[in-house]
């Protein structure tokens, strides 16, 4: 039983430290477009995100979408 408690406390401390680190650095959790499955191609051959509608080139430059815009 003591091994379980020690293990639980260690995990809790690590998770708390990660949460504090994210809060202190001010990073925000951002959504994902679903990888390659989220990219759609329209009739003119242009690729864009199926979630937010952002062009694929902008997604690559930005590093993903935050799902800010509705799909059009």
N, C-alpha and C. Protein backbone atom coordinates (compact mmCIF):
# COMPACT_ATOMS: atom_id res chain seq x y z
N UNK A 1 0.82 -1.20 0.00
CA UNK A 1 0.00 0.00 0.00
C UNK A 1 0.86 1.26 0.00
N UNK A 2 1.98 1.22 0.69
CA UNK A 2 2.85 2.40 0.75
C UNK A 2 3.47 2.69 -0.62
N UNK A 3 3.75 1.64 -1.40
CA UNK A 3 4.29 1.84 -2.75
C UNK A 3 3.26 2.57 -3.61
N UNK A 4 2.00 2.19 -3.50
CA UNK A 4 0.93 2.85 -4.24
C UNK A 4 0.86 4.33 -3.87
N UNK A 5 0.90 4.64 -2.60
CA UNK A 5 0.82 6.04 -2.16
C UNK A 5 2.00 6.87 -2.65
N UNK A 6 3.19 6.29 -2.55
CA UNK A 6 4.39 7.00 -3.02
C UNK A 6 4.30 7.25 -4.52
N UNK A 7 3.86 6.24 -5.26
CA UNK A 7 3.72 6.38 -6.71
C UNK A 7 2.68 7.43 -7.05
N UNK A 8 1.55 7.39 -6.37
CA UNK A 8 0.48 8.36 -6.60
C UNK A 8 0.96 9.78 -6.31
N UNK A 9 1.66 9.97 -5.22
CA UNK A 9 2.16 11.30 -4.86
C UNK A 9 3.18 11.78 -5.90
N UNK A 10 4.04 10.88 -6.37
CA UNK A 10 5.03 11.27 -7.39
C UNK A 10 4.34 11.72 -8.67
N UNK A 11 3.35 10.95 -9.12
CA UNK A 11 2.62 11.33 -10.32
C UNK A 11 1.89 12.67 -10.12
N UNK A 12 1.28 12.84 -8.96
CA UNK A 12 0.56 14.08 -8.68
C UNK A 12 1.51 15.28 -8.70
N UNK A 13 2.69 15.13 -8.14
CA UNK A 13 3.68 16.21 -8.11
C UNK A 13 4.13 16.55 -9.54
N UNK A 14 4.38 15.53 -10.35
CA UNK A 14 4.82 15.77 -11.74
C UNK A 14 3.72 16.46 -12.54
N UNK A 15 2.49 16.01 -12.41
CA UNK A 15 1.38 16.63 -13.13
C UNK A 15 1.18 18.07 -12.66
N UNK A 16 1.27 18.30 -11.38
CA UNK A 16 1.14 19.67 -10.86
C UNK A 16 2.27 20.56 -11.37
N UNK A 17 3.47 20.04 -11.43
CA UNK A 17 4.61 20.82 -11.93
C UNK A 17 4.42 21.17 -13.40
N UNK A 18 3.90 20.23 -14.20
CA UNK A 18 3.65 20.53 -15.61
C UNK A 18 2.56 21.58 -15.75
N UNK A 19 1.52 21.49 -14.94
CA UNK A 19 0.43 22.48 -15.01
C UNK A 19 0.93 23.86 -14.61
N UNK A 20 1.73 23.93 -13.60
CA UNK A 20 2.29 25.21 -13.16
C UNK A 20 3.21 25.77 -14.24
N UNK A 21 4.00 24.91 -14.87
CA UNK A 21 4.89 25.36 -15.95
C UNK A 21 4.12 25.95 -17.11
N UNK A 22 3.02 25.32 -17.51
CA UNK A 22 2.21 25.84 -18.60
C UNK A 22 1.57 27.16 -18.20
N UNK A 23 1.09 27.25 -16.97
CA UNK A 23 0.44 28.48 -16.50
C UNK A 23 1.44 29.63 -16.41
N UNK A 24 2.65 29.36 -15.97
CA UNK A 24 3.65 30.40 -15.80
C UNK A 24 4.15 30.92 -17.15
N UNK A 25 4.34 30.02 -18.11
CA UNK A 25 4.84 30.46 -19.42
C UNK A 25 3.78 31.13 -20.26
N UNK A 26 2.51 30.98 -19.89
CA UNK A 26 1.43 31.64 -20.61
C UNK A 26 1.03 30.95 -21.90
N UNK A 27 1.45 29.73 -22.11
CA UNK A 27 1.06 29.01 -23.32
C UNK A 27 -0.41 28.66 -23.26
N UNK A 28 -1.02 28.64 -24.43
CA UNK A 28 -2.42 28.25 -24.51
C UNK A 28 -2.51 26.90 -25.21
N UNK A 29 -3.46 26.12 -24.78
CA UNK A 29 -3.69 24.84 -25.44
C UNK A 29 -4.43 25.15 -26.73
N UNK A 30 -3.91 24.66 -27.86
CA UNK A 30 -4.58 24.95 -29.11
C UNK A 30 -5.12 23.67 -29.73
N UNK A 31 -6.16 23.86 -30.48
CA UNK A 31 -6.81 22.74 -31.13
C UNK A 31 -6.01 22.23 -32.30
N UNK A 32 -6.45 21.15 -32.83
CA UNK A 32 -5.80 20.55 -33.98
C UNK A 32 -6.82 20.39 -35.10
N UNK A 33 -6.35 20.51 -36.30
CA UNK A 33 -7.23 20.33 -37.46
C UNK A 33 -7.43 18.86 -37.76
N UNK A 34 -6.79 17.99 -37.04
CA UNK A 34 -6.93 16.56 -37.32
C UNK A 34 -5.85 16.04 -38.25
N UNK A 35 -4.78 16.77 -38.40
CA UNK A 35 -3.69 16.32 -39.25
C UNK A 35 -4.09 16.33 -40.71
N UNK A 36 -3.59 15.37 -41.46
CA UNK A 36 -3.86 15.32 -42.90
C UNK A 36 -5.31 15.01 -43.20
N UNK A 37 -6.01 14.38 -42.27
CA UNK A 37 -7.43 14.07 -42.50
C UNK A 37 -8.29 15.32 -42.49
N UNK A 38 -7.81 16.41 -41.90
CA UNK A 38 -8.59 17.64 -41.83
C UNK A 38 -8.41 18.53 -43.05
N UNK A 39 -7.46 18.20 -43.93
CA UNK A 39 -7.21 19.01 -45.12
C UNK A 39 -8.16 18.59 -46.23
N UNK A 40 -8.86 19.57 -46.80
CA UNK A 40 -9.78 19.28 -47.90
C UNK A 40 -9.31 20.03 -49.15
N UNK A 41 -9.68 19.52 -50.30
CA UNK A 41 -9.34 20.15 -51.57
C UNK A 41 -10.64 20.57 -52.25
N UNK A 42 -10.72 21.85 -52.63
CA UNK A 42 -11.94 22.33 -53.28
C UNK A 42 -11.87 22.08 -54.79
N UNK A 43 -12.87 22.56 -55.52
CA UNK A 43 -12.98 22.31 -56.96
C UNK A 43 -11.81 22.88 -57.74
N UNK A 44 -11.25 24.00 -57.29
CA UNK A 44 -10.15 24.63 -58.02
C UNK A 44 -8.79 24.04 -57.65
N UNK A 45 -8.77 23.04 -56.77
CA UNK A 45 -7.53 22.37 -56.41
C UNK A 45 -6.81 22.97 -55.22
N UNK A 46 -7.38 24.01 -54.61
CA UNK A 46 -6.76 24.62 -53.44
C UNK A 46 -7.06 23.80 -52.20
N UNK A 47 -6.06 23.66 -51.35
CA UNK A 47 -6.24 22.90 -50.11
C UNK A 47 -6.45 23.84 -48.95
N UNK A 48 -7.37 23.45 -48.04
CA UNK A 48 -7.63 24.25 -46.86
C UNK A 48 -8.06 23.33 -45.71
N UNK A 49 -8.12 23.91 -44.52
CA UNK A 49 -8.53 23.17 -43.33
C UNK A 49 -10.03 22.95 -43.37
N UNK A 50 -10.46 21.73 -43.08
CA UNK A 50 -11.88 21.42 -43.05
C UNK A 50 -12.58 21.97 -41.83
N UNK A 51 -11.82 22.38 -40.82
CA UNK A 51 -12.40 22.89 -39.58
C UNK A 51 -12.56 24.41 -39.63
N UNK A 52 -11.48 25.12 -39.96
CA UNK A 52 -11.53 26.58 -39.91
C UNK A 52 -11.54 27.24 -41.28
N UNK A 53 -11.23 26.50 -42.34
CA UNK A 53 -11.25 27.05 -43.69
C UNK A 53 -9.98 27.78 -44.09
N UNK A 54 -8.96 27.81 -43.22
CA UNK A 54 -7.71 28.50 -43.52
C UNK A 54 -6.94 27.74 -44.60
N UNK A 55 -6.33 28.46 -45.57
CA UNK A 55 -5.54 27.80 -46.60
C UNK A 55 -4.40 26.97 -46.00
N UNK A 56 -4.06 25.87 -46.68
CA UNK A 56 -3.05 24.94 -46.16
C UNK A 56 -1.69 25.61 -45.97
N UNK A 57 -1.33 26.55 -46.86
CA UNK A 57 -0.03 27.22 -46.72
C UNK A 57 0.04 28.02 -45.43
N UNK A 58 -1.06 28.71 -45.09
CA UNK A 58 -1.08 29.48 -43.84
C UNK A 58 -1.04 28.56 -42.62
N UNK A 59 -1.70 27.40 -42.73
CA UNK A 59 -1.68 26.45 -41.63
C UNK A 59 -0.27 25.96 -41.36
N UNK A 60 0.47 25.67 -42.44
CA UNK A 60 1.85 25.20 -42.27
C UNK A 60 2.71 26.28 -41.64
N UNK A 61 2.54 27.53 -42.08
CA UNK A 61 3.33 28.64 -41.53
C UNK A 61 2.97 28.90 -40.07
N UNK A 62 1.70 28.79 -39.75
CA UNK A 62 1.22 29.07 -38.41
C UNK A 62 1.46 27.90 -37.46
N UNK A 63 1.58 26.69 -38.01
CA UNK A 63 1.78 25.51 -37.18
C UNK A 63 0.48 24.89 -36.73
N UNK A 64 -0.58 25.08 -37.48
CA UNK A 64 -1.89 24.50 -37.12
C UNK A 64 -2.92 25.59 -36.92
N UNK A 65 -4.15 25.16 -36.76
CA UNK A 65 -5.21 26.15 -36.58
C UNK A 65 -5.70 26.13 -35.14
N UNK A 66 -6.25 27.25 -34.75
CA UNK A 66 -6.83 27.36 -33.42
C UNK A 66 -8.33 27.24 -33.48
N UNK A 67 -8.84 26.85 -34.64
CA UNK A 67 -10.29 26.70 -34.85
C UNK A 67 -11.01 28.01 -34.58
N UNK A 68 -10.38 29.13 -34.98
CA UNK A 68 -10.96 30.45 -34.73
C UNK A 68 -12.12 30.77 -35.68
N UNK A 69 -11.99 30.37 -36.94
CA UNK A 69 -12.98 30.75 -37.94
C UNK A 69 -13.86 29.56 -38.26
N UNK A 70 -15.14 29.78 -38.51
CA UNK A 70 -15.99 28.68 -38.94
C UNK A 70 -15.67 28.27 -40.38
N UNK A 71 -15.87 27.01 -40.68
CA UNK A 71 -15.62 26.53 -42.04
C UNK A 71 -16.62 27.17 -42.99
N UNK A 72 -16.14 27.50 -44.18
CA UNK A 72 -17.03 28.14 -45.16
C UNK A 72 -17.19 27.28 -46.37
